[in-house]
């Protein structure tokens, strides 16, 4: 079964913590309060960005695969569909912007 990761985000006091707590009551859903993937994703993205001297060696497809690998590598060890409250600002898992 293919796993899908969904992200919960919201402004302070908007109810995202309550939604996460309600979803965590279902044993078929993993709903973490925060995820370490966001900072790792951002650090990886920055390392491949234009300010890095090695950025010319990365093709867009390679960047996309590497960034998807960050998510896949972390969430493949979770046996239930995932939800998390931490997401790199302005980023989507399905459509990673060109650099």
Protein backbone atom coordinates (compact mmCIF):
# COMPACT_ATOMS: atom_id res chain seq x y z
CA UNK A 1 0.00 0.00 0.00
CA UNK A 2 1.34 3.40 -0.97
CA UNK A 3 1.59 5.84 1.90
CA UNK A 4 0.60 9.46 1.58
CA UNK A 5 1.82 12.21 3.88
CA UNK A 6 -0.51 15.12 4.61
CA UNK A 7 0.44 18.23 6.53
CA UNK A 8 -1.64 20.17 9.00
CA UNK A 9 -0.78 23.81 9.28
CA UNK A 10 -2.46 26.81 10.77
CA UNK A 11 -2.05 30.08 12.54
CA UNK A 12 -1.77 30.12 16.31
CA UNK A 13 -5.08 29.39 18.04
CA UNK A 14 -6.63 28.15 14.75
CA UNK A 15 -7.32 24.60 15.95
CA UNK A 16 -4.54 22.64 14.27
CA UNK A 17 -3.42 21.18 17.61
CA UNK A 18 -6.97 20.07 18.38
CA UNK A 19 -7.33 18.52 14.91
CA UNK A 20 -4.06 16.65 15.35
CA UNK A 21 -5.15 15.38 18.78
CA UNK A 22 -8.49 14.17 17.41
CA UNK A 23 -6.82 12.38 14.49
CA UNK A 24 -4.31 10.70 16.83
CA UNK A 25 -7.22 8.88 18.48
CA UNK A 26 -7.56 6.77 15.33
CA UNK A 27 -4.95 3.96 15.49
CA UNK A 28 -4.82 3.85 11.68
CA UNK A 29 -3.45 7.40 11.50
CA UNK A 30 -0.10 8.72 12.69
CA UNK A 31 -0.50 12.38 13.62
CA UNK A 32 2.65 13.83 15.08
CA UNK A 33 2.73 17.22 16.74
CA UNK A 34 5.94 18.24 14.99
CA UNK A 35 8.27 16.61 12.55
CA UNK A 36 12.06 16.76 12.22
CA UNK A 37 11.64 16.58 8.45
CA UNK A 38 11.02 20.33 8.02
CA UNK A 39 14.45 21.51 9.17
CA UNK A 40 16.19 18.67 7.30
CA UNK A 41 14.26 19.54 4.12
CA UNK A 42 15.17 23.23 4.43
CA UNK A 43 18.84 22.49 5.09
CA UNK A 44 18.99 20.14 2.10
CA UNK A 45 17.24 22.67 -0.13
CA UNK A 46 19.65 25.40 0.97
CA UNK A 47 22.65 23.15 0.35
CA UNK A 48 21.52 22.66 -3.25
CA UNK A 49 20.57 26.32 -3.76
CA UNK A 50 22.19 28.95 -5.95
CA UNK A 51 24.35 30.29 -3.09
CA UNK A 52 26.21 26.97 -2.93
CA UNK A 53 29.19 26.53 -5.24
CA UNK A 54 28.06 22.97 -6.07
CA UNK A 55 24.55 23.97 -7.19
CA UNK A 56 25.57 23.78 -10.86
CA UNK A 57 26.09 20.02 -10.49
CA UNK A 58 22.47 19.31 -9.51
CA UNK A 59 19.87 18.81 -12.22
CA UNK A 60 16.29 19.75 -11.34
CA UNK A 61 15.25 16.08 -11.39
CA UNK A 62 18.07 15.22 -8.98
CA UNK A 63 17.05 18.00 -6.60
CA UNK A 64 13.44 16.81 -6.64
CA UNK A 65 14.46 13.19 -6.04
CA UNK A 66 16.78 14.11 -3.17
CA UNK A 67 14.12 16.23 -1.47
CA UNK A 68 11.45 13.55 -1.93
CA UNK A 69 13.96 11.08 -0.47
CA UNK A 70 14.05 13.11 2.75
CA UNK A 71 10.30 12.56 3.20
CA UNK A 72 10.30 8.99 1.95
CA UNK A 73 13.25 8.00 4.13
CA UNK A 74 11.63 9.32 7.29
CA UNK A 75 8.02 8.31 6.77
CA UNK A 76 8.60 4.83 5.30
CA UNK A 77 9.19 3.58 8.85
CA UNK A 78 5.73 4.65 9.97
CA UNK A 79 3.18 1.90 9.35
CA UNK A 80 0.07 4.08 9.12
CA UNK A 81 -0.86 7.07 6.93
CA UNK A 82 0.95 10.14 8.19
CA UNK A 83 -0.11 13.57 9.26
CA UNK A 84 2.25 16.10 10.71
CA UNK A 85 2.04 19.69 11.86
CA UNK A 86 5.50 20.73 10.68
CA UNK A 87 6.02 21.75 7.06
CA UNK A 88 8.70 23.87 5.41
CA UNK A 89 7.11 27.21 4.64
CA UNK A 90 5.97 27.52 1.06
CA UNK A 91 6.88 23.95 0.12
CA UNK A 92 4.73 21.10 -1.16
CA UNK A 93 5.69 17.46 -1.25
CA UNK A 94 4.16 16.81 -4.67
CA UNK A 95 5.44 19.87 -6.54
CA UNK A 96 8.87 21.02 -5.48
CA UNK A 97 9.66 24.38 -7.09
CA UNK A 98 12.49 24.79 -9.56
CA UNK A 99 15.61 26.43 -8.19
